Amino acid sequence: MVNMLLLIVSGEEEKIVMPLNLAKTQIKAGNKIKVVFWGSSQKTLSNNYELRKEYASILNEKPKCCINYAKKYNLEATLSDDMELVPVGDYLTKAIEEGYEIITF
């Protein structure tokens, strides 16, 4: 089994959709997947309800978003229903300590 953390930083919608397909495939294969949105990807997600719901529906836990970025750009209310807002630096450190490989998009 593989532990993967998909770190999505791009604000381009097609680059946000690509890891969704990877996550679906890897989950079906029995691998553990975590998803983190950081930076401009959060702005794109805040404007795309369908994409937020799709990510939330395939994972065993809510995808994570950076709480500091969300606060700075007033995205908290929009993102908090489908995403968990966390300090991403700490979350990434913990994931690495738990053996997760980080793949960045």
PDB file of N, CA and C in Angstrom:
ATOM      1  N   MET A   1       0.842  -1.172   0.000  1.00  0.00           N
ATOM      2  CA  MET A   1       0.000   0.000   0.000  1.00  0.00           C
ATOM      3  C   MET A   1       0.891   1.240   0.000  1.00  0.00           C
ATOM      4  N   VAL A   2       0.417   2.274  -0.695  1.00  0.00           N
ATOM      5  CA  VAL A   2       1.143   3.531  -0.825  1.00  0.00           C
ATOM      6  C   VAL A   2       0.345   4.633  -0.136  1.00  0.00           C
ATOM      7  N   ASN A   3       1.047   5.522   0.552  1.00  0.00           N
ATOM      8  CA  ASN A   3       0.419   6.701   1.151  1.00  0.00           C
ATOM      9  C   ASN A   3       0.810   7.913   0.321  1.00  0.00           C
ATOM     10  N   MET A   4      -0.177   8.591  -0.263  1.00  0.00           N
ATOM     11  CA  MET A   4       0.089   9.761  -1.094  1.00  0.00           C
ATOM     12  C   MET A   4      -0.655  10.969  -0.568  1.00  0.00           C
ATOM     13  N   LEU A   5       0.029  12.095  -0.573  1.00  0.00           N
ATOM     14  CA  LEU A   5      -0.611  13.366  -0.283  1.00  0.00           C
ATOM     15  C   LEU A   5      -0.535  14.181  -1.560  1.00  0.00           C
ATOM     16  N   LEU A   6      -1.689  14.526  -2.106  1.00  0.00           N
ATOM     17  CA  LEU A   6      -1.749  15.327  -3.319  1.00  0.00           C
ATOM     18  C   LEU A   6      -1.844  16.787  -2.903  1.00  0.00           C
ATOM     19  N   LEU A   7      -0.790  17.551  -3.169  1.00  0.00           N
ATOM     20  CA  LEU A   7      -0.713  18.961  -2.809  1.00  0.00           C
ATOM     21  C   LEU A   7      -1.030  19.774  -4.056  1.00  0.00           C
ATOM     22  N   ILE A   8      -2.162  20.460  -4.031  1.00  0.00           N
ATOM     23  CA  ILE A   8      -2.638  21.179  -5.211  1.00  0.00           C
ATOM     24  C   ILE A   8      -2.483  22.671  -4.963  1.00  0.00           C
ATOM     25  N   VAL A   9      -1.585  23.289  -5.728  1.00  0.00           N
ATOM     26  CA  VAL A   9      -1.304  24.716  -5.559  1.00  0.00           C
ATOM     27  C   VAL A   9      -1.710  25.535  -6.779  1.00  0.00           C
ATOM     28  N   SER A  10      -1.867  24.906  -7.919  1.00  0.00           N
ATOM     29  CA  SER A  10      -2.216  25.625  -9.141  1.00  0.00           C
ATOM     30  C   SER A  10      -3.651  26.124  -9.092  1.00  0.00           C
ATOM     31  N   GLY A  11      -3.860  27.314  -9.600  1.00  0.00           N
ATOM     32  CA  GLY A  11      -5.202  27.863  -9.686  1.00  0.00           C
ATOM     33  C   GLY A  11      -5.909  27.509 -10.983  1.00  0.00           C
ATOM     34  N   GLU A  12      -5.222  26.784 -11.873  1.00  0.00           N
ATOM     35  CA  GLU A  12      -5.825  26.401 -13.146  1.00  0.00           C
ATOM     36  C   GLU A  12      -6.752  25.208 -12.932  1.00  0.00           C
ATOM     37  N   GLU A  13      -7.997  25.354 -13.380  1.00  0.00           N
ATOM     38  CA  GLU A  13      -8.998  24.318 -13.108  1.00  0.00           C
ATOM     39  C   GLU A  13      -8.596  22.949 -13.636  1.00  0.00           C
ATOM     40  N   GLU A  14      -8.007  22.888 -14.833  1.00  0.00           N
ATOM     41  CA  GLU A  14      -7.628  21.579 -15.382  1.00  0.00           C
ATOM     42  C   GLU A  14      -6.544  20.910 -14.541  1.00  0.00           C
ATOM     43  N   LYS A  15      -5.709  21.697 -13.861  1.00  0.00           N
ATOM     44  CA  LYS A  15      -4.687  21.116 -12.989  1.00  0.00           C
ATOM     45  C   LYS A  15      -5.262  20.714 -11.639  1.00  0.00           C
ATOM     46  N   ILE A  16      -6.462  21.166 -11.336  1.00  0.00           N
ATOM     47  CA  ILE A  16      -7.145  20.744 -10.114  1.00  0.00           C
ATOM     48  C   ILE A  16      -7.944  19.473 -10.375  1.00  0.00           C
ATOM     49  N   VAL A  17      -8.430  19.305 -11.596  1.00  0.00           N
ATOM     50  CA  VAL A  17      -9.207  18.120 -11.966  1.00  0.00           C
ATOM     51  C   VAL A  17      -8.298  16.894 -12.106  1.00  0.00           C
ATOM     52  N   MET A  18      -7.098  17.075 -12.623  1.00  0.00           N
ATOM     53  CA  MET A  18      -6.183  15.952 -12.854  1.00  0.00           C
ATOM     54  C   MET A  18      -5.899  15.146 -11.577  1.00  0.00           C
ATOM     55  N   PRO A  19      -5.568  15.775 -10.448  1.00  0.00           N
ATOM     56  CA  PRO A  19      -5.343  14.968  -9.242  1.00  0.00           C
ATOM     57  C   PRO A  19      -6.607  14.283  -8.721  1.00  0.00           C
ATOM     58  N   LEU A  20      -7.776  14.813  -9.064  1.00  0.00           N
ATOM     59  CA  LEU A  20      -9.027  14.161  -8.677  1.00  0.00           C
ATOM     60  C   LEU A  20      -9.088  12.771  -9.300  1.00  0.00           C
ATOM     61  N   ASN A  21      -8.746  12.683 -10.575  1.00  0.00           N
ATOM     62  CA  ASN A  21      -8.750  11.386 -11.255  1.00  0.00           C
ATOM     63  C   ASN A  21      -7.698  10.443 -10.668  1.00  0.00           C
ATOM     64  N   LEU A  22      -6.527  10.978 -10.341  1.00  0.00           N
ATOM     65  CA  LEU A  22      -5.485  10.167  -9.706  1.00  0.00           C
ATOM     66  C   LEU A  22      -5.963   9.651  -8.353  1.00  0.00           C
ATOM     67  N   ALA A  23      -6.595  10.505  -7.581  1.00  0.00           N
ATOM     68  CA  ALA A  23      -7.100  10.103  -6.264  1.00  0.00           C
ATOM     69  C   ALA A  23      -8.111   8.969  -6.395  1.00  0.00           C
ATOM     70  N   LYS A  24      -9.036   9.089  -7.334  1.00  0.00           N
ATOM     71  CA  LYS A  24     -10.044   8.039  -7.539  1.00  0.00           C
ATOM     72  C   LYS A  24      -9.374   6.701  -7.855  1.00  0.00           C
ATOM     73  N   THR A  25      -8.419   6.720  -8.776  1.00  0.00           N
ATOM     74  CA  THR A  25      -7.724   5.499  -9.185  1.00  0.00           C
ATOM     75  C   THR A  25      -6.959   4.875  -8.026  1.00  0.00           C
ATOM     76  N   GLN A  26      -6.257   5.702  -7.274  1.00  0.00           N
ATOM     77  CA  GLN A  26      -5.440   5.195  -6.173  1.00  0.00           C
ATOM     78  C   GLN A  26      -6.287   4.670  -5.018  1.00  0.00           C
ATOM     79  N   ILE A  27      -7.401   5.307  -4.752  1.00  0.00           N
ATOM     80  CA  ILE A  27      -8.306   4.829  -3.700  1.00  0.00           C
ATOM     81  C   ILE A  27      -8.866   3.459  -4.079  1.00  0.00           C
ATOM     82  N   LYS A  28      -9.248   3.306  -5.356  1.00  0.00           N
ATOM     83  CA  LYS A  28      -9.747   2.011  -5.826  1.00  0.00           C
ATOM     84  C   LYS A  28      -8.683   0.927  -5.700  1.00  0.00           C
ATOM     85  N   ALA A  29      -7.414   1.313  -5.845  1.00  0.00           N
ATOM     86  CA  ALA A  29      -6.304   0.361  -5.735  1.00  0.00           C
ATOM     87  C   ALA A  29      -5.954   0.053  -4.279  1.00  0.00           C
ATOM     88  N   GLY A  30      -6.639   0.705  -3.343  1.00  0.00           N
ATOM     89  CA  GLY A  30      -6.412   0.435  -1.929  1.00  0.00           C
ATOM     90  C   GLY A  30      -5.361   1.306  -1.262  1.00  0.00           C
ATOM     91  N   ASN A  31      -4.915   2.338  -1.951  1.00  0.00           N
ATOM     92  CA  ASN A  31      -3.906   3.230  -1.385  1.00  0.00           C
ATOM     93  C   ASN A  31      -4.547   4.334  -0.553  1.00  0.00           C
ATOM     94  N   LYS A  32      -3.781   4.853   0.401  1.00  0.00           N
ATOM     95  CA  LYS A  32      -4.264   5.948   1.249  1.00  0.00           C
ATOM     96  C   LYS A  32      -3.936   7.278   0.574  1.00  0.00           C
ATOM     97  N   ILE A  33      -4.960   8.119   0.450  1.00  0.00           N
ATOM     98  CA  ILE A  33      -4.807   9.402  -0.233  1.00  0.00           C
ATOM     99  C   ILE A  33      -5.285  10.524   0.671  1.00  0.00           C
ATOM    100  N   LYS A  34      -4.474  11.570   0.751  1.00  0.00           N
ATOM    101  CA  LYS A  34      -4.871  12.819   1.394  1.00  0.00           C
ATOM    102  C   LYS A  34      -4.759  13.905   0.333  1.00  0.00           C
ATOM    103  N   VAL A  35      -5.630  14.916   0.412  1.00  0.00           N
ATOM    104  CA  VAL A  35      -5.599  16.018  -0.546  1.00  0.00           C
ATOM    105  C   VAL A  35      -5.525  17.332   0.214  1.00  0.00           C
ATOM    106  N   VAL A  36      -4.580  18.186  -0.231  1.00  0.00           N
ATOM    107  CA  VAL A  36      -4.412  19.512   0.361  1.00  0.00           C
ATOM    108  C   VAL A  36      -4.427  20.554  -0.750  1.00  0.00           C
ATOM    109  N   PHE A  37      -5.278  21.556  -0.583  1.00  0.00           N
ATOM    110  CA  PHE A  37      -5.309  22.706  -1.486  1.00  0.00           C
ATOM    111  C   PHE A  37      -4.612  23.855  -0.783  1.00  0.00           C
ATOM    112  N   TRP A  38      -3.720  24.519  -1.512  1.00  0.00           N
ATOM    113  CA  TRP A  38      -2.928  25.585  -0.902  1.00  0.00           C
ATOM    114  C   TRP A  38      -2.772  26.707  -1.913  1.00  0.00           C
ATOM    115  N   GLY A  39      -2.991  27.914  -1.492  1.00  0.00           N
ATOM    116  CA  GLY A  39      -2.788  29.070  -2.360  1.00  0.00           C
ATOM    117  C   GLY A  39      -3.900  29.258  -3.372  1.00  0.00           C
ATOM    118  N   SER A  40      -3.503  29.588  -4.606  1.00  0.00           N
ATOM    119  CA  SER A  40      -4.490  29.980  -5.619  1.00  0.00           C
ATOM    120  C   SER A  40      -5.486  28.875  -5.958  1.00  0.00           C
ATOM    121  N   SER A  41      -5.155  27.623  -5.682  1.00  0.00           N
ATOM    122  CA  SER A  41      -6.129  26.545  -5.917  1.00  0.00           C
ATOM    123  C   SER A  41      -7.370  26.745  -5.048  1.00  0.00           C
ATOM    124  N   GLN A  42      -7.195  27.357  -3.884  1.00  0.00           N
ATOM    125  CA  GLN A  42      -8.324  27.607  -2.989  1.00  0.00           C
ATOM    126  C   GLN A  42      -9.293  28.625  -3.591  1.00  0.00           C
ATOM    127  N   LYS A  43      -8.759  29.631  -4.269  1.00  0.00           N
ATOM    128  CA  LYS A  43      -9.632  30.619  -4.924  1.00  0.00           C
ATOM    129  C   LYS A  43     -10.456  29.940  -6.015  1.00  0.00           C
ATOM    130  N   THR A  44      -9.798  29.102  -6.799  1.00  0.00           N
ATOM    131  CA  THR A  44     -10.510  28.393  -7.863  1.00  0.00           C
ATOM    132  C   THR A  44     -11.591  27.497  -7.275  1.00  0.00           C
ATOM    133  N   LEU A  45     -11.264  26.767  -6.223  1.00  0.00           N
ATOM    134  CA  LEU A  45     -12.243  25.892  -5.568  1.00  0.00           C
ATOM    135  C   LEU A  45     -13.421  26.672  -5.003  1.00  0.00           C
ATOM    136  N   SER A  46     -13.153  27.851  -4.470  1.00  0.00           N
ATOM    137  CA  SER A  46     -14.228  28.640  -3.861  1.00  0.00           C
ATOM    138  C   SER A  46     -15.282  29.036  -4.888  1.00  0.00           C
ATOM    139  N   ASN A  47     -14.902  29.047  -6.161  1.00  0.00           N
ATOM    140  CA  ASN A  47     -15.827  29.402  -7.236  1.00  0.00           C
ATOM    141  C   ASN A  47     -16.405  28.185  -7.952  1.00  0.00           C
ATOM    142  N   ASN A  48     -16.108  26.973  -7.469  1.00  0.00           N
ATOM    143  CA  ASN A  48     -16.563  25.769  -8.165  1.00  0.00           C
ATOM    144  C   ASN A  48     -17.152  24.768  -7.160  1.00  0.00           C
ATOM    145  N   TYR A  49     -18.423  24.915  -6.903  1.00  0.00           N
ATOM    146  CA  TYR A  49     -19.141  24.066  -5.945  1.00  0.00           C
ATOM    147  C   TYR A  49     -19.054  22.589  -6.331  1.00  0.00           C
ATOM    148  N   GLU A  50     -19.250  22.286  -7.602  1.00  0.00           N
ATOM    149  CA  GLU A  50     -19.250  20.893  -8.073  1.00  0.00           C
ATOM    150  C   GLU A  50     -17.912  20.210  -7.786  1.00  0.00           C
ATOM    151  N   LEU A  51     -16.835  20.911  -8.042  1.00  0.00           N
ATOM    152  CA  LEU A  51     -15.506  20.344  -7.822  1.00  0.00           C
ATOM    153  C   LEU A  51     -15.246  20.119  -6.334  1.00  0.00           C
ATOM    154  N   ARG A  52     -15.654  21.059  -5.491  1.00  0.00           N
ATOM    155  CA  ARG A  52     -15.509  20.883  -4.038  1.00  0.00           C
ATOM    156  C   ARG A  52     -16.264  19.648  -3.574  1.00  0.00           C
ATOM    157  N   LYS A  53     -17.497  19.492  -4.032  1.00  0.00           N
ATOM    158  CA  LYS A  53     -18.322  18.345  -3.633  1.00  0.00           C
ATOM    159  C   LYS A  53     -17.720  17.028  -4.118  1.00  0.00           C
ATOM    160  N   GLU A  54     -17.196  17.028  -5.344  1.00  0.00           N
ATOM    161  CA  GLU A  54     -16.633  15.790  -5.883  1.00  0.00           C
ATOM    162  C   GLU A  54     -15.410  15.347  -5.080  1.00  0.00           C
ATOM    163  N   TYR A  55     -14.529  16.279  -4.753  1.00  0.00           N
ATOM    164  CA  TYR A  55     -13.371  15.923  -3.921  1.00  0.00           C
ATOM    165  C   TYR A  55     -13.828  15.401  -2.566  1.00  0.00           C
ATOM    166  N   ALA A  56     -14.764  16.099  -1.943  1.00  0.00           N
ATOM    167  CA  ALA A  56     -15.236  15.698  -0.611  1.00  0.00           C
ATOM    168  C   ALA A  56     -15.875  14.308  -0.642  1.00  0.00           C
ATOM    169  N   SER A  57     -16.511  13.954  -1.749  1.00  0.00           N
ATOM    170  CA  SER A  57     -17.240  12.687  -1.813  1.00  0.00           C
ATOM    171  C   SER A  57     -16.342  11.464  -1.996  1.00  0.00           C
ATOM    172  N   ILE A  58     -15.152  11.627  -2.564  1.00  0.00           N
ATOM    173  CA  ILE A  58     -14.321  10.445  -2.848  1.00  0.00           C
ATOM    174  C   ILE A  58     -13.362  10.086  -1.721  1.00  0.00           C
ATOM    175  N   LEU A  59     -13.110  11.018  -0.817  1.00  0.00           N
ATOM    176  CA  LEU A  59     -12.116  10.786   0.232  1.00  0.00           C
ATOM    177  C   LEU A  59     -12.763  10.316   1.524  1.00  0.00           C
ATOM    178  N   ASN A  60     -11.988   9.632   2.344  1.00  0.00           N
ATOM    179  CA  ASN A  60     -12.477   9.190   3.647  1.00  0.00           C
ATOM    180  C   ASN A  60     -12.474  10.313   4.673  1.00  0.00           C
ATOM    181  N   GLU A  61     -11.806  11.401   4.348  1.00  0.00           N
ATOM    182  CA  GLU A  61     -11.773  12.575   5.219  1.00  0.00           C
ATOM    183  C   GLU A  61     -11.882  13.815   4.333  1.00  0.00           C
ATOM    184  N   LYS A  62     -12.273  14.925   4.930  1.00  0.00           N
ATOM    185  CA  LYS A  62     -12.399  16.154   4.151  1.00  0.00           C
ATOM    186  C   LYS A  62     -11.032  16.565   3.602  1.00  0.00           C
ATOM    187  N   PRO A  63     -11.001  17.034   2.345  1.00  0.00           N
ATOM    188  CA  PRO A  63      -9.756  17.619   1.847  1.00  0.00           C
ATOM    189  C   PRO A  63      -9.387  18.816   2.722  1.00  0.00           C
ATOM    190  N   LYS A  64      -8.110  19.124   2.761  1.00  0.00           N
ATOM    191  CA  LYS A  64      -7.629  20.223   3.592  1.00  0.00           C
ATOM    192  C   LYS A  64      -7.360  21.462   2.743  1.00  0.00           C
ATOM    193  N   CYS A  65      -7.556  22.628   3.350  1.00  0.00           N
ATOM    194  CA  CYS A  65      -7.212  23.917   2.748  1.00  0.00           C
ATOM    195  C   CYS A  65      -6.474  24.732   3.792  1.00  0.00           C
ATOM    196  N   CYS A  66      -5.632  25.630   3.340  1.00  0.00           N
ATOM    197  CA  CYS A  66      -4.865  26.471   4.248  1.00  0.00           C
ATOM    198  C   CYS A  66      -5.768  27.524   4.894  1.00  0.00           C
ATOM    199  N   ILE A  67      -5.851  27.474   6.207  1.00  0.00           N
ATOM    200  CA  ILE A  67      -6.705  28.412   6.929  1.00  0.00           C
ATOM    201  C   ILE A  67      -6.186  29.844   6.807  1.00  0.00           C
ATOM    202  N   ASN A  68      -4.880  30.023   6.774  1.00  0.00           N
ATOM    203  CA  ASN A  68      -4.320  31.370   6.689  1.00  0.00           C
ATOM    204  C   ASN A  68      -4.633  32.029   5.351  1.00  0.00           C
ATOM    205  N   TYR A  69      -4.515  31.269   4.272  1.00  0.00           N
ATOM    206  CA  TYR A  69      -4.856  31.791   2.949  1.00  0.00           C
ATOM    207  C   TYR A  69      -6.352  32.083   2.881  1.00  0.00           C
ATOM    208  N   ALA A  70      -7.157  31.169   3.409  1.00  0.00           N
ATOM    209  CA  ALA A  70      -8.616  31.357   3.393  1.00  0.00           C
ATOM    210  C   ALA A  70      -9.013  32.622   4.144  1.00  0.00           C
ATOM    211  N   LYS A  71      -8.383  32.873   5.280  1.00  0.00           N
ATOM    212  CA  LYS A  71      -8.681  34.091   6.043  1.00  0.00           C
ATOM    213  C   LYS A  71      -8.261  35.338   5.276  1.00  0.00           C
ATOM    214  N   LYS A  72      -7.071  35.299   4.693  1.00  0.00           N
ATOM    215  CA  LYS A  72      -6.540  36.465   3.980  1.00  0.00           C
ATOM    216  C   LYS A  72      -7.440  36.881   2.824  1.00  0.00           C
ATOM    217  N   TYR A  73      -8.025  35.909   2.124  1.00  0.00           N
ATOM    218  CA  TYR A  73      -8.847  36.199   0.945  1.00  0.00           C
ATOM    219  C   TYR A  73     -10.341  35.993   1.195  1.00  0.00           C
ATOM    220  N   ASN A  74     -10.738  35.932   2.453  1.00  0.00           N
ATOM    221  CA  ASN A  74     -12.154  35.808   2.826  1.00  0.00           C
ATOM    222  C   ASN A  74     -12.844  34.620   2.158  1.00  0.00           C
ATOM    223  N   LEU A  75     -12.207  33.467   2.200  1.00  0.00           N
ATOM    224  CA  LEU A  75     -12.751  32.251   1.586  1.00  0.00           C
ATOM    225  C   LEU A  75     -13.271  31.256   2.619  1.00  0.00           C
ATOM    226  N   GLU A  76     -13.160  31.594   3.890  1.00  0.00           N
ATOM    227  CA  GLU A  76     -13.512  30.648   4.958  1.00  0.00           C
ATOM    228  C   GLU A  76     -14.940  30.126   4.848  1.00  0.00           C
ATOM    229  N   ALA A  77     -15.895  31.012   4.693  1.00  0.00           N
ATOM    230  CA  ALA A  77     -17.305  30.598   4.668  1.00  0.00           C
ATOM    231  C   ALA A  77     -17.593  29.684   3.485  1.00  0.00           C
ATOM    232  N   THR A  78     -17.020  29.997   2.339  1.00  0.00           N
ATOM    233  CA  THR A  78     -17.269  29.203   1.134  1.00  0.00           C
ATOM    234  C   THR A  78     -16.635  27.822   1.219  1.00  0.00           C
ATOM    235  N   LEU A  79     -15.427  27.751   1.730  1.00  0.00           N
ATOM    236  CA  LEU A  79     -14.686  26.488   1.724  1.00  0.00           C
ATOM    237  C   LEU A  79     -14.992  25.573   2.904  1.00  0.00           C
ATOM    238  N   SER A  80     -15.397  26.134   4.024  1.00  0.00           N
ATOM    239  CA  SER A  80     -15.478  25.336   5.255  1.00  0.00           C
ATOM    240  C   SER A  80     -16.561  24.258   5.253  1.00  0.00           C
ATOM    241  N   ASP A  81     -17.554  24.343   4.396  1.00  0.00           N
ATOM    242  CA  ASP A  81     -18.580  23.294   4.350  1.00  0.00           C
ATOM    243  C   ASP A  81     -18.031  21.968   3.820  1.00  0.00           C
ATOM    244  N   ASP A  82     -17.174  22.047   2.801  1.00  0.00           N
ATOM    245  CA  ASP A  82     -16.688  20.837   2.138  1.00  0.00           C
ATOM    246  C   ASP A  82     -15.226  20.523   2.428  1.00  0.00           C
ATOM    247  N   MET A  83     -14.510  21.486   2.962  1.00  0.00           N
ATOM    248  CA  MET A  83     -13.079  21.351   3.203  1.00  0.00           C
ATOM    249  C   MET A  83     -12.785  21.605   4.680  1.00  0.00           C
ATOM    250  N   GLU A  84     -11.694  21.037   5.160  1.00  0.00           N
ATOM    251  CA  GLU A  84     -11.250  21.332   6.518  1.00  0.00           C
ATOM    252  C   GLU A  84     -10.127  22.360   6.428  1.00  0.00           C
ATOM    253  N   LEU A  85     -10.295  23.474   7.118  1.00  0.00           N
ATOM    254  CA  LEU A  85      -9.299  24.538   7.100  1.00  0.00           C
ATOM    255  C   LEU A  85      -8.281  24.292   8.205  1.00  0.00           C
ATOM    256  N   VAL A  86      -7.008  24.147   7.813  1.00  0.00           N
ATOM    257  CA  VAL A  86      -5.940  23.809   8.755  1.00  0.00           C
ATOM    258  C   VAL A  86      -4.689  24.634   8.435  1.00  0.00           C
ATOM    259  N   PRO A  87      -3.767  24.748   9.404  1.00  0.00           N
ATOM    260  CA  PRO A  87      -2.450  25.315   9.097  1.00  0.00           C
ATOM    261  C   PRO A  87      -1.681  24.286   8.248  1.00  0.00           C
ATOM    262  N   VAL A  88      -1.523  24.562   6.980  1.00  0.00           N
ATOM    263  CA  VAL A  88      -0.999  23.565   6.045  1.00  0.00           C
ATOM    264  C   VAL A  88       0.444  23.169   6.346  1.00  0.00           C
ATOM    265  N   GLY A  89       1.273  24.091   6.775  1.00  0.00           N
ATOM    266  CA  GLY A  89       2.664  23.735   7.078  1.00  0.00           C
ATOM    267  C   GLY A  89       2.753  22.619   8.104  1.00  0.00           C
ATOM    268  N   ASP A  90       1.995  22.749   9.179  1.00  0.00           N
ATOM    269  CA  ASP A  90       1.977  21.711  10.219  1.00  0.00           C
ATOM    270  C   ASP A  90       1.413  20.398   9.682  1.00  0.00           C
ATOM    271  N   TYR A  91       0.361  20.496   8.878  1.00  0.00           N
ATOM    272  CA  TYR A  91      -0.282  19.306   8.327  1.00  0.00           C
ATOM    273  C   TYR A  91       0.685  18.539   7.416  1.00  0.00           C
ATOM    274  N   LEU A  92       1.435  19.269   6.580  1.00  0.00           N
ATOM    275  CA  LEU A  92       2.397  18.622   5.688  1.00  0.00           C
ATOM    276  C   LEU A  92       3.507  17.933   6.483  1.00  0.00           C
ATOM    277  N   THR A  93       3.997  18.594   7.514  1.00  0.00           N
ATOM    278  CA  THR A  93       5.040  18.006   8.356  1.00  0.00           C
ATOM    279  C   THR A  93       4.563  16.696   8.967  1.00  0.00           C
ATOM    280  N   LYS A  94       3.357  16.695   9.492  1.00  0.00           N
ATOM    281  CA  LYS A  94       2.800  15.483  10.103  1.00  0.00           C
ATOM    282  C   LYS A  94       2.636  14.366   9.065  1.00  0.00           C
ATOM    283  N   ALA A  95       2.159  14.723   7.871  1.00  0.00           N
ATOM    284  CA  ALA A  95       1.970  13.723   6.820  1.00  0.00           C
ATOM    285  C   ALA A  95       3.300  13.086   6.421  1.00  0.00           C
ATOM    286  N   ILE A  96       4.341  13.888   6.319  1.00  0.00           N
ATOM    287  CA  ILE A  96       5.666  13.355   5.982  1.00  0.00           C
ATOM    288  C   ILE A  96       6.140  12.416   7.085  1.00  0.00           C
ATOM    289  N   GLU A  97       5.944  12.822   8.329  1.00  0.00           N
ATOM    290  CA  GLU A  97       6.331  11.963   9.460  1.00  0.00           C
ATOM    291  C   GLU A  97       5.571  10.642   9.449  1.00  0.00           C
ATOM    292  N   GLU A  98       4.345  10.646   8.920  1.00  0.00           N
ATOM    293  CA  GLU A  98       3.523   9.436   8.842  1.00  0.00           C
ATOM    294  C   GLU A  98       3.825   8.609   7.595  1.00  0.00           C
ATOM    295  N   GLY A  99       4.802   9.033   6.796  1.00  0.00           N
ATOM    296  CA  GLY A  99       5.214   8.256   5.634  1.00  0.00           C
ATOM    297  C   GLY A  99       4.505   8.590   4.334  1.00  0.00           C
ATOM    298  N   TYR A 100       3.803   9.694   4.273  1.00  0.00           N
ATOM    299  CA  TYR A 100       3.130  10.086   3.035  1.00  0.00           C
ATOM    300  C   TYR A 100       4.129  10.679   2.053  1.00  0.00           C
ATOM    301  N   GLU A 101       4.002  10.281   0.797  1.00  0.00           N
ATOM    302  CA  GLU A 101       4.770  10.866  -0.300  1.00  0.00           C
ATOM    303  C   GLU A 101       3.958  12.037  -0.840  1.00  0.00           C
ATOM    304  N   ILE A 102       4.603  13.180  -1.054  1.00  0.00           N
ATOM    305  CA  ILE A 102       3.890  14.364  -1.533  1.00  0.00           C
ATOM    306  C   ILE A 102       4.062  14.493  -3.037  1.00  0.00           C
ATOM    307  N   ILE A 103       2.934  14.621  -3.722  1.00  0.00           N
ATOM    308  CA  ILE A 103       2.912  14.856  -5.163  1.00  0.00           C
ATOM    309  C   ILE A 103       2.251  16.213  -5.364  1.00  0.00           C
ATOM    310  N   THR A 104       2.946  17.116  -6.055  1.00  0.00           N
ATOM    311  CA  THR A 104       2.471  18.491  -6.196  1.00  0.00           C
ATOM    312  C   THR A 104       1.914  18.744  -7.592  1.00  0.00           C
ATOM    313  N   PHE A 105       0.779  19.427  -7.625  1.00  0.00           N
ATOM    314  CA  PHE A 105       0.137  19.829  -8.879  1.00  0.00           C
ATOM    315  C   PHE A 105      -0.009  21.333  -8.902  1.00  0.00           C
TER     316      PHE A 105
END
